[in-house]
Amino acid sequence: MITLPDALWRAALGELARHLPPSGGTLHLLYIGLPAQAADIAALRADLTIHHHDPHTHTALRFAADQFDAVLVRGDQISRHAEVLGAALPALRLGGRLILLDAAADAPDQPESLKAWQGSAARQVRLAEMVQVLEQAGFVRVLTERLLDGFAVLSRGERDYTHLSTAERIQHAAERDSTPDQALIALTAAEVAAAVRGNFLFVLVRQAARRPAWETPTAAQHWRALTLAEGDQVCLPVFSALPKAVAFMQAAVKANTFIGVNKIAKFPKHAVQAWQTNLLLNPRFGDLHEVGRFQAEGAPLILDPHTAITGEE
């Protein structure tokens, strides 16, 4: 099997990474392709947990249901597309994403660096063909686009979850994160870092000017993080997974509470060491009112947006 030249593989990998779905503390990704390239994928993001299947071992494609957030497939190395797609769909969580890289059948004249790869690909595909292939396999929200100046095709599809309401989808995703809900127990930064298994924390902030999520903050911008107060005690609510933060804010919006929170910011877990406050890990909005604690806002905590993770989908 002739692989893509290293520079082209890294260029393609950067584009493939843009299509990874949003994640909680850890994104569980199944890579189907050559073992030597699994390390390149693992280096893309610190929150990736990589599971690997080598298609050339001819071992059966059997995976537990709802196991992965994403499946990344080197389609140019796979001769049995239907088998791979059939195994990938149930292995994805609801809303999980399949991402394929194939050689293009209708590519322009190839430079010498691509001719060998193009000719040795297990199969070559066209954009319209891949839409039909993924939809027939049961994937929804299918997208296809060209990569590497037209020599490769990226295809993307998701496991359907439209039978669930928005609130149910968020709750389903939130339950995938196994970090204990410390709820209304004030914790130190060290205690939170030890309790969270993933590499990131999510914080509710008010951003002075609304900006696209992928835009790098300017020096003039600052984030005012929501804090919760009980008497003289002020704590910063933090969440180990994005769906947990979204579920909290969904309930808050319905209750017309915490007006003006317009961003869920993602920070490396080690960043909490610089925050001079106690924290509440994964509080549930309903608990605030059921037990009558931490219902008031405290003074906002000013956070530097340049210490956050930005640029993800």
Protein backbone atom coordinates (compact mmCIF):
# COMPACT_ATOMS: atom_id res chain seq x y z
CA MET A 1 0.00 0.00 0.00
CA ILE A 2 1.45 3.34 -1.11
CA THR A 3 0.62 6.11 1.34
CA LEU A 4 0.24 9.82 0.78
CA PRO A 5 3.48 11.81 0.84
CA ASP A 6 4.04 13.07 4.39
CA ALA A 7 3.40 16.75 3.64
CA LEU A 8 0.14 15.97 1.84
CA TRP A 9 -1.02 13.59 4.57
CA ARG A 10 -0.49 16.29 7.20
CA ALA A 11 -2.35 18.83 5.08
CA ALA A 12 -5.26 16.43 4.66
CA LEU A 13 -5.20 15.58 8.36
CA GLY A 14 -5.54 19.24 9.29
CA GLU A 15 -8.69 19.43 7.17
CA LEU A 16 -10.07 16.19 8.58
CA ALA A 17 -9.58 17.51 12.11
CA ARG A 18 -11.88 20.46 11.39
CA HIS A 19 -14.74 18.00 11.07
CA LEU A 20 -14.31 16.31 14.44
CA PRO A 21 -17.46 16.85 16.53
CA PRO A 22 -17.56 18.96 19.70
CA SER A 23 -16.69 16.86 22.70
CA GLY A 24 -16.80 16.64 26.43
CA GLY A 25 -13.67 16.16 28.46
CA THR A 26 -12.48 13.41 26.11
CA LEU A 27 -13.29 12.67 22.48
CA HIS A 28 -13.27 8.93 21.79
CA LEU A 29 -12.12 8.40 18.22
CA LEU A 30 -11.81 5.16 16.24
CA TYR A 31 -9.18 5.34 13.50
CA ILE A 32 -9.37 2.76 10.72
CA GLY A 33 -6.14 2.88 8.76
CA LEU A 34 -2.43 2.14 8.90
CA PRO A 35 -1.02 1.92 12.45
CA ALA A 36 1.90 4.22 11.65
CA GLN A 37 -0.50 7.14 11.16
CA ALA A 38 -2.39 6.73 14.42
CA ALA A 39 0.25 8.76 16.28
CA ASP A 40 -0.25 11.70 13.88
CA ILE A 41 -3.96 11.70 14.70
CA ALA A 42 -3.38 11.45 18.45
CA ALA A 43 -1.22 14.59 18.24
CA LEU A 44 -4.05 16.67 16.77
CA ARG A 45 -5.79 17.46 20.05
CA ALA A 46 -5.03 16.81 23.70
CA ASP A 47 -8.57 15.56 24.37
CA LEU A 48 -8.41 12.63 21.93
CA THR A 49 -8.56 9.04 23.11
CA ILE A 50 -7.55 6.97 20.08
CA HIS A 51 -8.78 3.46 19.34
CA HIS A 52 -7.20 1.86 16.27
CA HIS A 53 -8.21 -0.84 13.80
CA ASP A 54 -5.79 -1.95 11.11
CA PRO A 55 -7.86 -2.94 8.04
CA HIS A 56 -5.04 -5.08 6.70
CA THR A 57 -5.23 -7.57 9.58
CA HIS A 58 -8.55 -8.89 8.22
CA THR A 59 -9.93 -9.15 11.75
CA ALA A 60 -13.67 -8.67 12.10
CA LEU A 61 -14.99 -5.16 12.57
CA ARG A 62 -16.90 -5.60 15.81
CA PHE A 63 -17.34 -2.70 18.22
CA ALA A 64 -19.59 -2.02 21.18
CA ALA A 65 -22.65 0.10 20.46
CA ASP A 66 -22.50 3.84 21.22
CA GLN A 67 -18.75 3.58 21.89
CA PHE A 68 -17.21 6.40 19.82
CA ASP A 69 -17.74 10.12 19.28
CA ALA A 70 -16.11 9.91 15.85
CA VAL A 71 -14.81 7.33 13.39
CA LEU A 72 -12.02 8.45 11.05
CA VAL A 73 -11.44 6.15 8.06
CA ARG A 74 -8.70 6.13 5.44
CA GLY A 75 -11.06 5.09 2.68
CA ASP A 76 -8.22 4.90 0.18
CA GLN A 77 -6.92 1.92 2.21
CA ILE A 78 -10.29 0.16 2.53
CA SER A 79 -11.61 -2.18 -0.15
CA ARG A 80 -14.78 -3.15 1.76
CA HIS A 81 -16.48 0.22 2.27
CA ALA A 82 -19.93 -1.27 2.93
CA GLU A 83 -18.62 -3.47 5.74
CA VAL A 84 -16.79 -0.56 7.37
CA LEU A 85 -19.80 1.76 7.17
CA GLY A 86 -22.11 -0.93 8.52
CA ALA A 87 -19.87 -1.48 11.54
CA ALA A 88 -19.19 2.23 12.15
CA LEU A 89 -22.80 3.41 12.33
CA PRO A 90 -23.92 1.53 15.49
CA ALA A 91 -20.49 2.05 17.08
CA LEU A 92 -21.03 5.82 17.02
CA ARG A 93 -22.93 7.58 19.77
CA LEU A 94 -26.11 9.38 18.74
CA GLY A 95 -24.94 12.40 16.77
CA GLY A 96 -21.47 10.87 16.41
CA ARG A 97 -19.59 11.56 13.21
CA LEU A 98 -18.00 9.44 10.49
CA ILE A 99 -15.18 11.09 8.51
CA LEU A 100 -13.73 9.47 5.37
CA LEU A 101 -10.70 10.29 3.23
CA ASP A 102 -10.74 8.81 -0.28
CA ALA A 103 -8.86 9.24 -3.54
CA ALA A 104 -10.84 11.20 -6.14
CA ALA A 105 -11.84 9.37 -9.32
CA ASP A 106 -12.18 12.56 -11.35
CA ALA A 107 -9.03 14.33 -10.16
CA PRO A 108 -7.10 16.64 -12.48
CA ASP A 109 -3.76 15.52 -13.87
CA GLN A 110 -1.75 14.43 -10.85
CA PRO A 111 1.72 15.64 -10.05
CA GLU A 112 4.31 12.91 -9.71
CA SER A 113 4.00 13.00 -5.89
CA LEU A 114 0.38 11.84 -6.14
CA LYS A 115 0.35 9.50 -9.13
CA ALA A 116 1.60 6.47 -7.21
CA TRP A 117 -0.83 7.03 -4.35
CA GLN A 118 -3.76 7.65 -6.67
CA GLY A 119 -3.04 4.50 -8.63
CA SER A 120 -2.67 2.27 -5.57
CA ALA A 121 -5.78 3.49 -3.70
CA ALA A 122 -8.17 0.68 -2.83
CA ARG A 123 -10.84 2.59 -4.72
CA GLN A 124 -11.51 6.03 -6.14
CA VAL A 125 -14.74 7.96 -5.54
CA ARG A 126 -16.75 10.96 -6.71
CA LEU A 127 -18.50 13.58 -4.55
CA ALA A 128 -22.06 12.74 -5.60
CA GLU A 129 -21.37 9.01 -5.27
CA MET A 130 -20.27 9.39 -1.64
CA VAL A 131 -23.43 11.29 -0.71
CA GLN A 132 -25.48 8.35 -1.96
CA VAL A 133 -23.19 5.76 -0.35
CA LEU A 134 -23.38 7.34 3.11
CA GLU A 135 -27.12 7.98 2.97
CA GLN A 136 -27.82 4.40 1.89
CA ALA A 137 -25.69 3.20 4.83
CA GLY A 138 -27.97 5.15 7.20
CA PHE A 139 -25.93 8.29 7.86
CA VAL A 140 -27.59 11.72 7.94
CA ARG A 141 -26.40 15.32 7.51
CA VAL A 142 -23.97 14.10 4.85
CA LEU A 143 -21.31 16.46 3.55
CA THR A 144 -18.68 15.90 0.85
CA GLU A 145 -15.89 18.19 -0.34
CA ARG A 146 -12.64 18.05 -2.25
CA LEU A 147 -9.22 18.09 -0.60
CA LEU A 148 -5.63 18.44 -1.82
CA ASP A 149 -6.52 20.53 -4.87
CA GLY A 150 -9.13 18.04 -5.98
CA PHE A 151 -7.07 14.85 -5.68
CA ALA A 152 -8.90 13.61 -2.58
CA VAL A 153 -12.49 13.54 -1.31
CA LEU A 154 -13.59 14.14 2.29
CA SER A 155 -16.97 12.65 3.20
CA ARG A 156 -18.80 13.16 6.48
CA GLY A 157 -21.99 11.76 7.96
CA GLU A 158 -23.61 11.46 11.37
CA ARG A 159 -25.61 8.89 13.27
CA ASP A 160 -29.17 10.14 13.45
CA TYR A 161 -30.64 11.46 16.67
CA THR A 162 -33.66 13.39 15.37
CA HIS A 163 -36.06 11.17 17.33
CA LEU A 164 -34.83 12.97 20.45
CA SER A 165 -35.75 16.51 21.47
CA THR A 166 -32.96 19.06 21.86
CA ALA A 167 -33.10 18.73 25.64
CA GLU A 168 -32.99 14.93 25.40
CA ARG A 169 -29.99 15.04 23.05
CA ILE A 170 -28.11 17.31 25.45
CA GLN A 171 -28.97 15.09 28.41
CA HIS A 172 -27.93 11.97 26.49
CA ALA A 173 -24.56 13.54 25.66
CA ALA A 174 -24.09 14.86 29.19
CA GLU A 175 -24.56 11.39 30.66
CA ARG A 176 -21.65 10.07 28.58
CA ASP A 177 -19.23 12.02 30.77
CA SER A 178 -18.52 9.90 33.83
CA THR A 179 -17.01 12.64 36.01
CA PRO A 180 -18.84 12.66 39.36
CA ASP A 181 -21.22 15.57 39.86
CA GLN A 182 -19.84 17.28 42.95
CA ALA A 183 -22.81 19.61 42.58
CA LEU A 184 -22.92 22.11 45.44
CA ILE A 185 -19.71 21.19 47.26
CA ALA A 186 -17.11 23.96 47.12
CA LEU A 187 -13.82 22.53 45.84
CA THR A 188 -10.31 23.84 45.45
CA ALA A 189 -8.64 23.94 42.04
CA ALA A 190 -6.49 20.95 42.98
CA GLU A 191 -9.55 18.91 43.99
CA VAL A 192 -11.30 19.70 40.70
CA ALA A 193 -8.21 18.84 38.66
CA ALA A 194 -8.01 15.47 40.42
CA ALA A 195 -11.71 14.73 39.96
CA VAL A 196 -11.92 15.53 36.24
CA ARG A 197 -10.68 12.70 34.03
CA GLY A 198 -10.51 14.79 30.87
CA ASN A 199 -8.13 17.58 29.97
CA PHE A 200 -10.54 20.51 29.82
CA LEU A 201 -13.10 22.48 31.80
CA PHE A 202 -16.01 24.56 30.53
CA VAL A 203 -16.99 27.90 32.06
CA LEU A 204 -20.02 30.16 31.62
CA VAL A 205 -18.97 33.67 30.62
CA ARG A 206 -20.32 37.00 29.49
CA GLN A 207 -18.37 38.31 26.53
CA ALA A 208 -18.45 42.07 26.04
CA ALA A 209 -18.88 41.76 22.28
CA ARG A 210 -20.27 38.65 20.64
CA ARG A 211 -17.69 37.10 18.34
CA PRO A 212 -17.60 33.95 16.21
CA ALA A 213 -16.40 30.94 18.24
CA TRP A 214 -13.42 30.43 15.95
CA GLU A 215 -12.16 34.02 16.15
CA THR A 216 -9.07 34.67 18.25
CA PRO A 217 -9.86 37.19 21.02
CA THR A 218 -8.24 40.61 20.81
CA ALA A 219 -6.33 42.22 23.66
CA ALA A 220 -9.25 44.52 24.37
CA GLN A 221 -11.70 41.69 25.00
CA HIS A 222 -12.20 40.15 28.41
CA TRP A 223 -14.48 37.48 29.77
CA ARG A 224 -16.54 37.87 32.93
CA ALA A 225 -17.17 34.36 34.25
CA LEU A 226 -20.43 33.66 36.07
CA THR A 227 -20.00 32.93 39.77
CA LEU A 228 -22.56 31.72 42.30
CA ALA A 229 -22.80 33.02 45.85
CA GLU A 230 -24.11 31.64 49.10
CA GLY A 231 -23.68 34.20 51.85
CA ASP A 232 -20.05 35.30 51.78
CA GLN A 233 -18.92 32.23 49.85
CA VAL A 234 -18.45 32.73 46.10
CA CYS A 235 -17.74 29.81 43.77
CA LEU A 236 -17.12 29.47 40.05
CA PRO A 237 -19.27 26.77 38.39
CA VAL A 238 -17.18 24.62 36.03
CA PHE A 239 -18.18 21.66 33.90
CA SER A 240 -16.21 18.61 32.81
CA ALA A 241 -18.11 18.30 29.50
CA LEU A 242 -19.70 20.77 27.12
CA PRO A 243 -23.14 19.08 27.23
CA LYS A 244 -23.22 19.45 31.02
CA ALA A 245 -22.66 23.20 30.68
CA VAL A 246 -25.29 23.44 27.93
CA ALA A 247 -27.82 21.51 30.02
CA PHE A 248 -27.25 23.92 32.93
CA MET A 249 -27.76 26.98 30.70
CA GLN A 250 -30.82 25.50 28.97
CA ALA A 251 -32.54 25.28 32.33
CA ALA A 252 -31.31 28.75 33.33
CA VAL A 253 -32.66 30.32 30.13
CA LYS A 254 -36.06 28.70 30.68
CA ALA A 255 -36.07 30.15 34.21
CA ASN A 256 -35.03 33.60 32.88
CA THR A 257 -31.95 33.47 35.08
CA PHE A 258 -28.32 34.48 34.57
CA ILE A 259 -29.26 36.87 31.78
CA GLY A 260 -26.41 37.84 29.47
CA VAL A 261 -24.31 34.68 29.66
CA ASN A 262 -23.44 34.35 25.99
CA LYS A 263 -20.52 31.94 25.81
CA ILE A 264 -19.37 28.59 27.10
CA ALA A 265 -15.58 28.85 27.17
CA LYS A 266 -13.22 25.88 27.09
CA PHE A 267 -10.03 25.97 29.16
CA PRO A 268 -7.19 23.51 29.74
CA LYS A 269 -7.67 21.84 33.09
CA HIS A 270 -4.37 23.19 34.40
CA ALA A 271 -5.63 26.77 33.87
CA VAL A 272 -7.80 26.53 37.00
CA GLN A 273 -4.67 26.74 39.14
CA ALA A 274 -4.51 30.46 38.31
CA TRP A 275 -8.13 31.17 39.28
CA GLN A 276 -8.30 32.54 42.81
CA THR A 277 -11.65 31.08 43.78
CA ASN A 278 -13.34 27.89 44.89
CA LEU A 279 -15.26 25.92 42.28
CA LEU A 280 -18.50 23.97 41.91
CA LEU A 281 -18.00 20.95 39.65
CA ASN A 282 -20.92 20.06 37.38
CA PRO A 283 -23.70 21.76 39.36
CA ARG A 284 -27.23 21.07 38.10
CA PHE A 285 -29.44 24.11 37.76
CA GLY A 286 -32.43 22.40 39.34
CA ASP A 287 -30.44 21.61 42.47
CA LEU A 288 -29.86 25.32 43.16
CA HIS A 289 -33.56 25.83 43.71
CA GLU A 290 -34.47 22.46 45.17
CA VAL A 291 -32.00 22.83 48.03
CA GLY A 292 -32.02 26.64 48.15
CA ARG A 293 -28.27 27.10 47.77
CA PHE A 294 -26.02 29.19 45.52
CA GLN A 295 -28.98 30.93 43.90
CA ALA A 296 -27.43 34.40 43.79
CA GLU A 297 -24.73 35.64 41.45
CA GLY A 298 -21.40 36.64 42.91
CA ALA A 299 -18.93 39.16 41.55
CA PRO A 300 -17.77 37.97 38.12
CA LEU A 301 -14.36 36.38 37.79
CA ILE A 302 -12.30 38.09 35.08
CA LEU A 303 -10.63 35.50 32.82
CA ASP A 304 -8.05 35.98 30.10
CA PRO A 305 -9.53 34.68 26.82
CA HIS A 306 -6.04 33.98 25.49
CA THR A 307 -5.71 31.12 27.98
CA ALA A 308 -8.81 29.42 26.52
CA ILE A 309 -9.06 26.85 23.74
CA THR A 310 -10.40 28.50 20.58
CA GLY A 311 -10.75 27.62 16.91
CA GLU A 312 -12.64 24.32 17.29
CA GLU A 313 -15.88 23.65 15.47
